[in-house]
Amino acid sequence: MRLVLAFAALFVLGLAGTGYVIATAPEQAAGPQTLELTAVDPPDDATITAFQNLSDGDRRLVSDALDANGSTRVDPDQRPNASYVRYEGSVYRLRVVVGDPAEDRTLAHLVAVVTGGAAAVVGAIGLVGALFRAWQRERESAR
């Protein structure tokens, strides 16, 4: 009986932890975001936008990121439209990172979801197995 309770607790705690992390993900997405520029050799099918063809806001973001060694903070409503930008002969990939990279919140959320999910799966499998064994023993004793 203790084993059944342990597996049930593992299942419930795993689900609760995963649910909490998933429920708070939109809050994190609305929080700090960073625009990262990386010099790349773009794929052949990439759409590359010339710097001068960007909107005023996107040009400002790209300039700020280039001036700050390749990254700058952005608000959620400031996400650039382009994925690749050509600037002074180089092509840069633009990528928005959600969360604060310095605090590793994005990685922590991912680890929490994976760990909670794994705990829930182990708890569910153990619970089903323990209940099945109890059912088999009961059936054998009834014969």
Protein backbone atom coordinates (compact mmCIF):
# COMPACT_ATOMS: atom_id res chain seq x y z
CA MET A 1 0.00 0.00 0.00
CA ARG A 2 2.87 2.36 0.75
CA LEU A 3 4.28 1.75 -2.72
CA VAL A 4 0.94 2.67 -4.31
CA LEU A 5 0.81 5.88 -2.27
CA ALA A 6 4.41 6.73 -3.19
CA PHE A 7 3.73 6.29 -6.91
CA ALA A 8 0.48 8.26 -6.64
CA ALA A 9 2.31 11.10 -4.88
CA LEU A 10 5.06 11.08 -7.51
CA PHE A 11 2.43 11.23 -10.25
CA VAL A 12 0.47 14.08 -8.65
CA LEU A 13 3.56 16.12 -7.77
CA GLY A 14 5.01 15.65 -11.26
CA LEU A 15 1.78 16.81 -12.87
CA ALA A 16 1.39 19.73 -10.48
CA GLY A 17 4.97 20.90 -11.04
CA THR A 18 4.73 20.62 -14.80
CA GLY A 19 1.35 22.34 -14.82
CA TYR A 20 2.68 25.21 -12.73
CA VAL A 21 5.66 25.76 -15.03
CA ILE A 22 3.47 25.64 -18.14
CA ALA A 23 0.91 27.97 -16.54
CA THR A 24 3.59 30.55 -15.74
CA ALA A 25 5.22 30.38 -19.20
CA PRO A 26 3.06 33.20 -20.67
CA GLU A 27 4.11 35.41 -17.77
CA GLN A 28 7.73 34.67 -18.61
CA ALA A 29 7.12 35.33 -22.31
CA ALA A 30 5.75 38.75 -21.43
CA GLY A 31 8.88 39.48 -19.39
CA PRO A 32 12.38 40.40 -20.51
CA GLN A 33 13.43 39.46 -24.02
CA THR A 34 16.76 39.79 -25.77
CA LEU A 35 17.45 40.27 -29.48
CA GLU A 36 20.58 38.36 -30.44
CA LEU A 37 22.44 38.97 -33.72
CA THR A 38 24.84 36.33 -34.97
CA ALA A 39 26.96 36.59 -38.12
CA VAL A 40 26.10 33.52 -40.23
CA ASP A 41 26.30 31.94 -43.64
CA PRO A 42 22.55 31.82 -44.28
CA PRO A 43 20.81 28.81 -45.78
CA ASP A 44 20.15 28.97 -49.52
CA ASP A 45 16.40 29.43 -49.02
CA ALA A 46 16.76 32.24 -46.42
CA THR A 47 15.07 35.57 -47.04
CA ILE A 48 17.68 38.22 -46.35
CA THR A 49 16.58 41.81 -45.76
CA ALA A 50 18.97 44.67 -46.41
CA PHE A 51 19.50 46.88 -43.35
CA GLN A 52 18.25 49.98 -45.17
CA ASN A 53 14.99 48.17 -46.07
CA LEU A 54 14.10 47.51 -42.41
CA SER A 55 11.48 49.59 -40.64
CA ASP A 56 12.79 52.44 -38.49
CA GLY A 57 12.16 50.44 -35.31
CA ASP A 58 13.88 47.32 -36.62
CA ARG A 59 16.88 49.37 -37.83
CA ARG A 60 17.19 50.88 -34.37
CA LEU A 61 17.05 47.43 -32.72
CA VAL A 62 19.67 45.98 -35.07
CA SER A 63 21.93 49.01 -34.55
CA ASP A 64 21.55 48.78 -30.77
CA ALA A 65 22.39 45.06 -30.82
CA LEU A 66 25.43 45.59 -33.05
CA ASP A 67 26.67 48.39 -30.78
CA ALA A 68 26.24 46.15 -27.72
CA ASN A 69 28.28 43.15 -28.98
CA GLY A 70 25.36 41.37 -30.64
CA SER A 71 22.47 41.59 -28.20
CA THR A 72 20.02 44.11 -26.80
CA ARG A 73 16.90 44.04 -24.64
CA VAL A 74 13.57 44.33 -26.45
CA ASP A 75 9.97 44.65 -25.34
CA PRO A 76 7.54 41.89 -26.47
CA ASP A 77 5.92 44.32 -28.93
CA GLN A 78 9.31 45.24 -30.47
CA ARG A 79 10.12 41.88 -32.10
CA PRO A 80 11.73 42.47 -35.50
CA ASN A 81 10.02 41.12 -38.61
CA ALA A 82 13.18 39.94 -40.40
CA SER A 83 15.07 36.73 -39.63
CA TYR A 84 18.24 37.58 -41.59
CA VAL A 85 19.69 41.04 -42.18
CA ARG A 86 22.53 42.11 -44.46
CA TYR A 87 24.57 44.88 -42.83
CA GLU A 88 27.86 46.22 -44.19
CA GLY A 89 28.53 43.07 -46.22
CA SER A 90 27.75 40.57 -43.45
CA VAL A 91 24.56 38.59 -42.91
CA TYR A 92 23.20 38.37 -39.38
CA ARG A 93 20.60 35.99 -38.01
CA LEU A 94 18.12 37.73 -35.71
CA ARG A 95 16.78 35.68 -32.84
CA VAL A 96 14.66 36.77 -29.88
CA VAL A 97 15.42 34.92 -26.64
CA VAL A 98 12.56 34.90 -24.15
CA GLY A 99 13.49 35.29 -20.50
CA ASP A 100 16.67 36.59 -18.98
CA PRO A 101 19.65 34.66 -20.38
CA ALA A 102 21.77 35.85 -17.46
CA GLU A 103 19.36 34.22 -15.01
CA ASP A 104 18.91 31.03 -17.09
CA ARG A 105 15.14 31.09 -16.49
CA THR A 106 14.41 29.66 -19.91
CA LEU A 107 16.65 26.65 -19.24
CA ALA A 108 15.23 26.29 -15.73
CA HIS A 109 11.67 26.18 -17.12
CA LEU A 110 12.67 23.53 -19.65
CA VAL A 111 14.38 21.41 -16.99
CA ALA A 112 11.37 21.76 -14.69
CA VAL A 113 8.93 20.65 -17.42
CA VAL A 114 11.08 17.66 -18.37
CA THR A 115 11.69 16.64 -14.74
CA GLY A 116 8.04 17.08 -13.74
CA GLY A 117 6.86 15.22 -16.82
CA ALA A 118 9.28 12.37 -16.19
CA ALA A 119 8.18 12.14 -12.54
CA ALA A 120 4.54 12.01 -13.61
CA VAL A 121 5.25 9.27 -16.16
CA VAL A 122 7.26 7.19 -13.66
CA GLY A 123 4.53 7.69 -11.06
CA ALA A 124 1.81 6.66 -13.50
CA ILE A 125 3.67 3.56 -14.67
CA GLY A 126 4.53 2.55 -11.11
CA LEU A 127 0.98 3.17 -9.96
CA VAL A 128 -0.51 1.10 -12.77
CA GLY A 129 2.03 -1.66 -12.16
CA ALA A 130 1.44 -1.75 -8.42
CA LEU A 131 -2.34 -1.77 -8.84
CA PHE A 132 -2.10 -4.50 -11.47
CA ARG A 133 0.03 -6.66 -9.15
CA ALA A 134 -2.45 -6.10 -6.31
CA TRP A 135 -5.31 -7.08 -8.63
CA GLN A 136 -3.44 -10.25 -9.68
CA ARG A 137 -2.78 -11.23 -6.04
CA GLU A 138 -6.43 -10.67 -5.19
CA ARG A 139 -7.52 -12.77 -8.15
CA GLU A 140 -5.14 -15.59 -7.18
CA SER A 141 -6.34 -15.59 -3.59
CA ALA A 142 -9.98 -15.75 -4.74
CA ARG A 143 -9.35 -19.06 -6.54
